[in-house]
């Protein structure tokens, strides 16, 4: 299920891109090689993200997990698992 959950958003993105390409009068096939390169790039990042999540170390300033964590809505004190994931810090 966890791996399958990544499929639908990828396809939805492709379909949205296909609509945009067709809206410009181009064939969808013209974007396939670019979509493939994008997926290859994402695939190359998965081991890095997995290691980061498994280690619960988000201290690297380039941490995507940390970026999404602090960029999203914040819960009140004691409602999250910030300490377990090494994300506890004072509010900006």
PDB file of N, CA and C in Angstrom:
ATOM      1  N   UNK A   1       0.822  -1.191   0.000  1.00  0.00           N
ATOM      2  CA  UNK A   1       0.000   0.000   0.000  1.00  0.00           C
ATOM      3  C   UNK A   1       0.868   1.258   0.000  1.00  0.00           C
ATOM      4  N   UNK A   2       1.933   1.248   0.794  1.00  0.00           N
ATOM      5  CA  UNK A   2       2.776   2.447   0.899  1.00  0.00           C
ATOM      6  C   UNK A   2       3.386   2.808  -0.446  1.00  0.00           C
ATOM      7  N   UNK A   3       3.861   1.812  -1.170  1.00  0.00           N
ATOM      8  CA  UNK A   3       4.467   2.082  -2.473  1.00  0.00           C
ATOM      9  C   UNK A   3       3.388   2.451  -3.491  1.00  0.00           C
ATOM     10  N   UNK A   4       2.269   1.746  -3.431  1.00  0.00           N
ATOM     11  CA  UNK A   4       1.175   2.040  -4.352  1.00  0.00           C
ATOM     12  C   UNK A   4       0.609   3.438  -4.175  1.00  0.00           C
ATOM     13  N   UNK A   5       0.722   3.984  -2.964  1.00  0.00           N
ATOM     14  CA  UNK A   5       0.200   5.325  -2.702  1.00  0.00           C
ATOM     15  C   UNK A   5       0.963   6.399  -3.470  1.00  0.00           C
ATOM     16  N   UNK A   6       2.151   6.065  -3.953  1.00  0.00           N
ATOM     17  CA  UNK A   6       2.934   7.040  -4.731  1.00  0.00           C
ATOM     18  C   UNK A   6       2.491   7.078  -6.195  1.00  0.00           C
ATOM     19  N   UNK A   7       1.806   6.033  -6.646  1.00  0.00           N
ATOM     20  CA  UNK A   7       1.451   5.935  -8.058  1.00  0.00           C
ATOM     21  C   UNK A   7       0.416   6.970  -8.484  1.00  0.00           C
ATOM     22  N   UNK A   8      -0.666   7.082  -7.742  1.00  0.00           N
ATOM     23  CA  UNK A   8      -1.751   7.973  -8.152  1.00  0.00           C
ATOM     24  C   UNK A   8      -1.306   9.431  -8.281  1.00  0.00           C
ATOM     25  N   UNK A   9      -0.590   9.998  -7.302  1.00  0.00           N
ATOM     26  CA  UNK A   9      -0.148  11.390  -7.487  1.00  0.00           C
ATOM     27  C   UNK A   9       0.763  11.567  -8.706  1.00  0.00           C
ATOM     28  N   UNK A  10       1.598  10.573  -8.977  1.00  0.00           N
ATOM     29  CA  UNK A  10       2.470  10.665 -10.155  1.00  0.00           C
ATOM     30  C   UNK A  10       1.640  10.674 -11.442  1.00  0.00           C
ATOM     31  N   UNK A  11       0.641   9.812 -11.499  1.00  0.00           N
ATOM     32  CA  UNK A  11      -0.215   9.780 -12.689  1.00  0.00           C
ATOM     33  C   UNK A  11      -1.056  11.040 -12.822  1.00  0.00           C
ATOM     34  N   UNK A  12      -1.570  11.529 -11.711  1.00  0.00           N
ATOM     35  CA  UNK A  12      -2.359  12.769 -11.758  1.00  0.00           C
ATOM     36  C   UNK A  12      -1.487  13.914 -12.281  1.00  0.00           C
ATOM     37  N   UNK A  13      -0.249  13.982 -11.827  1.00  0.00           N
ATOM     38  CA  UNK A  13       0.670  15.006 -12.330  1.00  0.00           C
ATOM     39  C   UNK A  13       0.920  14.859 -13.813  1.00  0.00           C
ATOM     40  N   UNK A  14       1.085  13.627 -14.251  1.00  0.00           N
ATOM     41  CA  UNK A  14       1.290  13.386 -15.690  1.00  0.00           C
ATOM     42  C   UNK A  14       0.061  13.812 -16.482  1.00  0.00           C
ATOM     43  N   UNK A  15      -1.122  13.450 -15.999  1.00  0.00           N
ATOM     44  CA  UNK A  15      -2.355  13.820 -16.703  1.00  0.00           C
ATOM     45  C   UNK A  15      -2.552  15.332 -16.740  1.00  0.00           C
ATOM     46  N   UNK A  16      -2.207  16.007 -15.666  1.00  0.00           N
ATOM     47  CA  UNK A  16      -2.310  17.466 -15.642  1.00  0.00           C
ATOM     48  C   UNK A  16      -1.336  18.066 -16.652  1.00  0.00           C
ATOM     49  N   UNK A  17      -0.119  17.539 -16.673  1.00  0.00           N
ATOM     50  CA  UNK A  17       0.856  18.001 -17.659  1.00  0.00           C
ATOM     51  C   UNK A  17       0.396  17.728 -19.077  1.00  0.00           C
ATOM     52  N   UNK A  18      -0.226  16.573 -19.290  1.00  0.00           N
ATOM     53  CA  UNK A  18      -0.736  16.220 -20.622  1.00  0.00           C
ATOM     54  C   UNK A  18      -1.791  17.225 -21.076  1.00  0.00           C
ATOM     55  N   UNK A  19      -2.661  17.616 -20.162  1.00  0.00           N
ATOM     56  CA  UNK A  19      -3.697  18.597 -20.501  1.00  0.00           C
ATOM     57  C   UNK A  19      -3.066  19.941 -20.845  1.00  0.00           C
ATOM     58  N   UNK A  20      -2.029  20.330 -20.108  1.00  0.00           N
ATOM     59  CA  UNK A  20      -1.366  21.608 -20.377  1.00  0.00           C
ATOM     60  C   UNK A  20      -0.658  21.578 -21.732  1.00  0.00           C
ATOM     61  N   UNK A  21      -0.014  20.460 -22.028  1.00  0.00           N
ATOM     62  CA  UNK A  21       0.693  20.335 -23.315  1.00  0.00           C
ATOM     63  C   UNK A  21      -0.304  20.371 -24.470  1.00  0.00           C
ATOM     64  N   UNK A  22      -1.388  19.617 -24.334  1.00  0.00           N
ATOM     65  CA  UNK A  22      -2.406  19.634 -25.386  1.00  0.00           C
ATOM     66  C   UNK A  22      -3.041  21.014 -25.521  1.00  0.00           C
ATOM     67  N   UNK A  23      -3.188  21.709 -24.411  1.00  0.00           N
ATOM     68  CA  UNK A  23      -3.744  23.056 -24.451  1.00  0.00           C
ATOM     69  C   UNK A  23      -2.885  24.019 -25.258  1.00  0.00           C
ATOM     70  N   UNK A  24      -1.634  23.690 -25.431  1.00  0.00           N
ATOM     71  CA  UNK A  24      -0.723  24.504 -26.247  1.00  0.00           C
ATOM     72  C   UNK A  24      -0.603  23.970 -27.666  1.00  0.00           C
ATOM     73  N   UNK A  25      -1.443  22.972 -27.991  1.00  0.00           N
ATOM     74  CA  UNK A  25      -1.461  22.443 -29.341  1.00  0.00           C
ATOM     75  C   UNK A  25      -0.373  21.415 -29.632  1.00  0.00           C
ATOM     76  N   UNK A  26       0.254  20.872 -28.585  1.00  0.00           N
ATOM     77  CA  UNK A  26       1.297  19.868 -28.772  1.00  0.00           C
ATOM     78  C   UNK A  26       0.769  18.486 -28.438  1.00  0.00           C
ATOM     79  N   UNK A  27       1.464  17.462 -28.927  1.00  0.00           N
ATOM     80  CA  UNK A  27       1.094  16.093 -28.588  1.00  0.00           C
ATOM     81  C   UNK A  27       1.684  15.738 -27.226  1.00  0.00           C
ATOM     82  N   UNK A  28       0.960  14.964 -26.458  1.00  0.00           N
ATOM     83  CA  UNK A  28       1.400  14.558 -25.129  1.00  0.00           C
ATOM     84  C   UNK A  28       2.728  13.804 -25.207  1.00  0.00           C
ATOM     85  N   UNK A  29       2.925  13.061 -26.280  1.00  0.00           N
ATOM     86  CA  UNK A  29       4.158  12.298 -26.444  1.00  0.00           C
ATOM     87  C   UNK A  29       5.406  13.185 -26.368  1.00  0.00           C
ATOM     88  N   UNK A  30       5.269  14.464 -26.654  1.00  0.00           N
ATOM     89  CA  UNK A  30       6.431  15.356 -26.621  1.00  0.00           C
ATOM     90  C   UNK A  30       6.953  15.591 -25.212  1.00  0.00           C
ATOM     91  N   UNK A  31       6.143  15.303 -24.202  1.00  0.00           N
ATOM     92  CA  UNK A  31       6.598  15.533 -22.830  1.00  0.00           C
ATOM     93  C   UNK A  31       7.068  14.264 -22.127  1.00  0.00           C
ATOM     94  N   UNK A  32       6.897  13.110 -22.773  1.00  0.00           N
ATOM     95  CA  UNK A  32       7.212  11.841 -22.121  1.00  0.00           C
ATOM     96  C   UNK A  32       8.681  11.763 -21.716  1.00  0.00           C
ATOM     97  N   UNK A  33       9.592  12.164 -22.569  1.00  0.00           N
ATOM     98  CA  UNK A  33      11.013  12.054 -22.203  1.00  0.00           C
ATOM     99  C   UNK A  33      11.352  12.966 -21.023  1.00  0.00           C
ATOM    100  N   UNK A  34      10.708  14.123 -20.940  1.00  0.00           N
ATOM    101  CA  UNK A  34      10.953  15.028 -19.814  1.00  0.00           C
ATOM    102  C   UNK A  34      10.367  14.449 -18.522  1.00  0.00           C
ATOM    103  N   UNK A  35       9.178  13.854 -18.628  1.00  0.00           N
ATOM    104  CA  UNK A  35       8.550  13.223 -17.461  1.00  0.00           C
ATOM    105  C   UNK A  35       9.418  12.066 -16.962  1.00  0.00           C
ATOM    106  N   UNK A  36       9.988  11.310 -17.886  1.00  0.00           N
ATOM    107  CA  UNK A  36      10.859  10.205 -17.514  1.00  0.00           C
ATOM    108  C   UNK A  36      12.095  10.683 -16.774  1.00  0.00           C
ATOM    109  N   UNK A  37      12.694  11.762 -17.254  1.00  0.00           N
ATOM    110  CA  UNK A  37      13.872  12.322 -16.577  1.00  0.00           C
ATOM    111  C   UNK A  37      13.504  12.810 -15.180  1.00  0.00           C
ATOM    112  N   UNK A  38      12.332  13.400 -15.049  1.00  0.00           N
ATOM    113  CA  UNK A  38      11.872  13.890 -13.749  1.00  0.00           C
ATOM    114  C   UNK A  38      11.684  12.721 -12.782  1.00  0.00           C
ATOM    115  N   UNK A  39      11.071  11.643 -13.260  1.00  0.00           N
ATOM    116  CA  UNK A  39      10.872  10.472 -12.411  1.00  0.00           C
ATOM    117  C   UNK A  39      12.204   9.838 -12.018  1.00  0.00           C
ATOM    118  N   UNK A  40      13.170   9.828 -12.936  1.00  0.00           N
ATOM    119  CA  UNK A  40      14.510   9.316 -12.607  1.00  0.00           C
ATOM    120  C   UNK A  40      15.145  10.139 -11.495  1.00  0.00           C
ATOM    121  N   UNK A  41      14.978  11.445 -11.556  1.00  0.00           N
ATOM    122  CA  UNK A  41      15.542  12.319 -10.529  1.00  0.00           C
ATOM    123  C   UNK A  41      14.892  12.035  -9.171  1.00  0.00           C
ATOM    124  N   UNK A  42      13.576  11.911  -9.162  1.00  0.00           N
ATOM    125  CA  UNK A  42      12.863  11.605  -7.928  1.00  0.00           C
ATOM    126  C   UNK A  42      13.325  10.243  -7.393  1.00  0.00           C
ATOM    127  N   UNK A  43      13.451   9.263  -8.285  1.00  0.00           N
ATOM    128  CA  UNK A  43      13.899   7.919  -7.890  1.00  0.00           C
ATOM    129  C   UNK A  43      15.277   7.979  -7.236  1.00  0.00           C
ATOM    130  N   UNK A  44      16.149   8.824  -7.737  1.00  0.00           N
ATOM    131  CA  UNK A  44      17.501   8.913  -7.177  1.00  0.00           C
ATOM    132  C   UNK A  44      17.505   9.522  -5.771  1.00  0.00           C
ATOM    133  N   UNK A  45      16.469  10.279  -5.429  1.00  0.00           N
ATOM    134  CA  UNK A  45      16.394  10.911  -4.112  1.00  0.00           C
ATOM    135  C   UNK A  45      15.784  10.011  -3.033  1.00  0.00           C
ATOM    136  N   UNK A  46      15.065   8.980  -3.429  1.00  0.00           N
ATOM    137  CA  UNK A  46      14.367   8.139  -2.452  1.00  0.00           C
ATOM    138  C   UNK A  46      15.296   7.520  -1.405  1.00  0.00           C
ATOM    139  N   UNK A  47      16.476   6.993  -1.773  1.00  0.00           N
ATOM    140  CA  UNK A  47      17.357   6.450  -0.728  1.00  0.00           C
ATOM    141  C   UNK A  47      17.821   7.512   0.270  1.00  0.00           C
ATOM    142  N   UNK A  48      18.015   8.727  -0.195  1.00  0.00           N
ATOM    143  CA  UNK A  48      18.436   9.818   0.697  1.00  0.00           C
ATOM    144  C   UNK A  48      17.322  10.132   1.685  1.00  0.00           C
ATOM    145  N   UNK A  49      16.097  10.238   1.189  1.00  0.00           N
ATOM    146  CA  UNK A  49      14.965  10.519   2.070  1.00  0.00           C
ATOM    147  C   UNK A  49      14.728   9.368   3.043  1.00  0.00           C
ATOM    148  N   UNK A  50      14.859   8.128   2.571  1.00  0.00           N
ATOM    149  CA  UNK A  50      14.657   6.970   3.439  1.00  0.00           C
ATOM    150  C   UNK A  50      15.661   6.975   4.590  1.00  0.00           C
ATOM    151  N   UNK A  51      16.925   7.258   4.284  1.00  0.00           N
ATOM    152  CA  UNK A  51      17.960   7.298   5.320  1.00  0.00           C
ATOM    153  C   UNK A  51      17.659   8.399   6.338  1.00  0.00           C
ATOM    154  N   UNK A  52      17.245   9.545   5.839  1.00  0.00           N
ATOM    155  CA  UNK A  52      16.922  10.681   6.703  1.00  0.00           C
ATOM    156  C   UNK A  52      15.765  10.334   7.640  1.00  0.00           C
ATOM    157  N   UNK A  53      14.742   9.709   7.111  1.00  0.00           N
ATOM    158  CA  UNK A  53      13.566   9.359   7.911  1.00  0.00           C
ATOM    159  C   UNK A  53      13.912   8.250   8.904  1.00  0.00           C
ATOM    160  N   UNK A  54      14.634   7.225   8.451  1.00  0.00           N
ATOM    161  CA  UNK A  54      15.009   6.125   9.347  1.00  0.00           C
ATOM    162  C   UNK A  54      15.872   6.602  10.507  1.00  0.00           C
ATOM    163  N   UNK A  55      16.744   7.563  10.250  1.00  0.00           N
ATOM    164  CA  UNK A  55      17.644   8.050  11.301  1.00  0.00           C
ATOM    165  C   UNK A  55      16.988   9.109  12.180  1.00  0.00           C
ATOM    166  N   UNK A  56      15.844   9.648  11.747  1.00  0.00           N
ATOM    167  CA  UNK A  56      15.153  10.737  12.455  1.00  0.00           C
ATOM    168  C   UNK A  56      16.073  11.948  12.631  1.00  0.00           C
ATOM    169  N   UNK A  57      16.998  12.124  11.713  1.00  0.00           N
ATOM    170  CA  UNK A  57      17.929  13.256  11.779  1.00  0.00           C
ATOM    171  C   UNK A  57      17.599  14.222  10.647  1.00  0.00           C
ATOM    172  N   UNK A  58      16.971  15.331  11.004  1.00  0.00           N
ATOM    173  CA  UNK A  58      16.564  16.331  10.021  1.00  0.00           C
ATOM    174  C   UNK A  58      17.330  17.637  10.222  1.00  0.00           C
ATOM    175  N   UNK A  59      18.524  17.527  10.801  1.00  0.00           N
ATOM    176  CA  UNK A  59      19.293  18.725  11.127  1.00  0.00           C
ATOM    177  C   UNK A  59      19.979  19.350   9.923  1.00  0.00           C
ATOM    178  N   UNK A  60      20.146  18.605   8.852  1.00  0.00           N
ATOM    179  CA  UNK A  60      20.742  19.162   7.641  1.00  0.00           C
ATOM    180  C   UNK A  60      19.831  20.269   7.110  1.00  0.00           C
ATOM    181  N   UNK A  61      20.393  21.419   6.814  1.00  0.00           N
ATOM    182  CA  UNK A  61      19.566  22.538   6.345  1.00  0.00           C
ATOM    183  C   UNK A  61      18.882  22.230   5.009  1.00  0.00           C
ATOM    184  N   UNK A  62      19.400  21.244   4.285  1.00  0.00           N
ATOM    185  CA  UNK A  62      18.782  20.854   3.014  1.00  0.00           C
ATOM    186  C   UNK A  62      17.746  19.749   3.202  1.00  0.00           C
ATOM    187  N   UNK A  63      17.404  19.429   4.440  1.00  0.00           N
ATOM    188  CA  UNK A  63      16.467  18.351   4.727  1.00  0.00           C
ATOM    189  C   UNK A  63      15.077  18.677   4.177  1.00  0.00           C
ATOM    190  N   UNK A  64      14.634  17.882   3.231  1.00  0.00           N
ATOM    191  CA  UNK A  64      13.295  18.087   2.681  1.00  0.00           C
ATOM    192  C   UNK A  64      12.223  17.790   3.707  1.00  0.00           C
ATOM    193  N   UNK A  65      12.461  16.757   4.531  1.00  0.00           N
ATOM    194  CA  UNK A  65      11.476  16.417   5.550  1.00  0.00           C
ATOM    195  C   UNK A  65      11.341  17.574   6.533  1.00  0.00           C
ATOM    196  N   UNK A  66      12.457  18.143   6.957  1.00  0.00           N
ATOM    197  CA  UNK A  66      12.422  19.275   7.885  1.00  0.00           C
ATOM    198  C   UNK A  66      11.718  20.472   7.233  1.00  0.00           C
ATOM    199  N   UNK A  67      11.978  20.694   5.967  1.00  0.00           N
ATOM    200  CA  UNK A  67      11.338  21.803   5.253  1.00  0.00           C
ATOM    201  C   UNK A  67       9.826  21.642   5.256  1.00  0.00           C
ATOM    202  N   UNK A  68       9.341  20.434   4.948  1.00  0.00           N
ATOM    203  CA  UNK A  68       7.902  20.205   4.929  1.00  0.00           C
ATOM    204  C   UNK A  68       7.323  20.251   6.329  1.00  0.00           C
ATOM    205  N   UNK A  69       8.089  19.748   7.313  1.00  0.00           N
ATOM    206  CA  UNK A  69       7.612  19.756   8.696  1.00  0.00           C
ATOM    207  C   UNK A  69       7.364  21.181   9.168  1.00  0.00           C
ATOM    208  N   UNK A  70       8.355  22.057   9.007  1.00  0.00           N
ATOM    209  CA  UNK A  70       8.235  23.420   9.519  1.00  0.00           C
ATOM    210  C   UNK A  70       7.432  24.313   8.597  1.00  0.00           C
ATOM    211  N   UNK A  71       7.254  23.914   7.351  1.00  0.00           N
ATOM    212  CA  UNK A  71       6.468  24.726   6.425  1.00  0.00           C
ATOM    213  C   UNK A  71       4.983  24.490   6.538  1.00  0.00           C
ATOM    214  N   UNK A  72       4.602  23.411   7.229  1.00  0.00           N
ATOM    215  CA  UNK A  72       3.185  23.066   7.343  1.00  0.00           C
ATOM    216  C   UNK A  72       2.557  23.657   8.585  1.00  0.00           C
ATOM    217  N   UNK A  73       1.281  23.371   8.791  1.00  0.00           N
ATOM    218  CA  UNK A  73       0.593  23.884   9.977  1.00  0.00           C
ATOM    219  C   UNK A  73       1.213  23.293  11.240  1.00  0.00           C
ATOM    220  N   UNK A  74       1.339  24.101  12.258  1.00  0.00           N
ATOM    221  CA  UNK A  74       1.944  23.650  13.507  1.00  0.00           C
ATOM    222  C   UNK A  74       0.850  23.264  14.493  1.00  0.00           C
ATOM    223  N   UNK A  75       1.151  22.215  15.226  1.00  0.00           N
ATOM    224  CA  UNK A  75       0.245  21.804  16.289  1.00  0.00           C
ATOM    225  C   UNK A  75       0.722  22.429  17.584  1.00  0.00           C
ATOM    226  N   UNK A  76      -0.149  22.435  18.564  1.00  0.00           N
ATOM    227  CA  UNK A  76       0.205  22.995  19.863  1.00  0.00           C
ATOM    228  C   UNK A  76       1.233  22.147  20.582  1.00  0.00           C
ATOM    229  N   UNK A  77       1.833  22.688  21.650  1.00  0.00           N
ATOM    230  CA  UNK A  77       2.847  21.966  22.411  1.00  0.00           C
ATOM    231  C   UNK A  77       2.314  20.635  22.936  1.00  0.00           C
ATOM    232  N   UNK A  78       3.152  19.596  22.837  1.00  0.00           N
ATOM    233  CA  UNK A  78       2.791  18.298  23.362  1.00  0.00           C
ATOM    234  C   UNK A  78       1.854  17.495  22.480  1.00  0.00           C
ATOM    235  N   UNK A  79       1.482  18.001  21.321  1.00  0.00           N
ATOM    236  CA  UNK A  79       0.553  17.279  20.461  1.00  0.00           C
ATOM    237  C   UNK A  79       1.255  16.527  19.337  1.00  0.00           C
ATOM    238  N   UNK A  80       2.530  16.752  19.176  1.00  0.00           N
ATOM    239  CA  UNK A  80       3.239  16.102  18.080  1.00  0.00           C
ATOM    240  C   UNK A  80       4.365  15.240  18.576  1.00  0.00           C
ATOM    241  N   UNK A  81       5.134  14.716  17.641  1.00  0.00           N
ATOM    242  CA  UNK A  81       6.258  13.873  18.009  1.00  0.00           C
ATOM    243  C   UNK A  81       7.555  14.548  17.585  1.00  0.00           C
ATOM    244  N   UNK A  82       7.626  15.867  17.826  1.00  0.00           N
ATOM    245  CA  UNK A  82       8.772  16.651  17.404  1.00  0.00           C
ATOM    246  C   UNK A  82      10.074  16.160  18.029  1.00  0.00           C
ATOM    247  N   UNK A  83      10.038  15.823  19.300  1.00  0.00           N
ATOM    248  CA  UNK A  83      11.266  15.404  19.981  1.00  0.00           C
ATOM    249  C   UNK A  83      11.784  14.080  19.442  1.00  0.00           C
ATOM    250  N   UNK A  84      10.894  13.147  19.193  1.00  0.00           N
ATOM    251  CA  UNK A  84      11.311  11.842  18.678  1.00  0.00           C
ATOM    252  C   UNK A  84      12.006  11.989  17.335  1.00  0.00           C
ATOM    253  N   UNK A  85      11.553  12.923  16.546  1.00  0.00           N
ATOM    254  CA  UNK A  85      12.139  13.136  15.218  1.00  0.00           C
ATOM    255  C   UNK A  85      13.206  14.227  15.202  1.00  0.00           C
ATOM    256  N   UNK A  86      13.596  14.720  16.352  1.00  0.00           N
ATOM    257  CA  UNK A  86      14.653  15.721  16.405  1.00  0.00           C
ATOM    258  C   UNK A  86      14.248  17.059  15.824  1.00  0.00           C
ATOM    259  N   UNK A  87      12.955  17.354  15.862  1.00  0.00           N
ATOM    260  CA  UNK A  87      12.462  18.575  15.232  1.00  0.00           C
ATOM    261  C   UNK A  87      12.069  19.652  16.241  1.00  0.00           C
ATOM    262  N   UNK A  88      12.217  19.362  17.524  1.00  0.00           N
ATOM    263  CA  UNK A  88      11.797  20.335  18.531  1.00  0.00           C
ATOM    264  C   UNK A  88      12.683  21.563  18.464  1.00  0.00           C
ATOM    265  N   UNK A  89      12.066  22.700  18.411  1.00  0.00           N
ATOM    266  CA  UNK A  89      12.792  23.968  18.441  1.00  0.00           C
ATOM    267  C   UNK A  89      11.805  25.040  18.837  1.00  0.00           C
ATOM    268  N   UNK A  90      12.327  26.195  19.199  1.00  0.00           N
ATOM    269  CA  UNK A  90      11.438  27.284  19.589  1.00  0.00           C
ATOM    270  C   UNK A  90      10.799  27.869  18.347  1.00  0.00           C
ATOM    271  N   UNK A  91       9.638  28.451  18.520  1.00  0.00           N
ATOM    272  CA  UNK A  91       8.930  29.061  17.397  1.00  0.00           C
ATOM    273  C   UNK A  91       9.732  30.236  16.850  1.00  0.00           C
ATOM    274  N   UNK A  92       9.640  30.450  15.538  1.00  0.00           N
ATOM    275  CA  UNK A  92      10.401  31.572  14.940  1.00  0.00           C
ATOM    276  C   UNK A  92       9.885  32.915  15.384  1.00  0.00           C
TER     277      UNK A  92
END
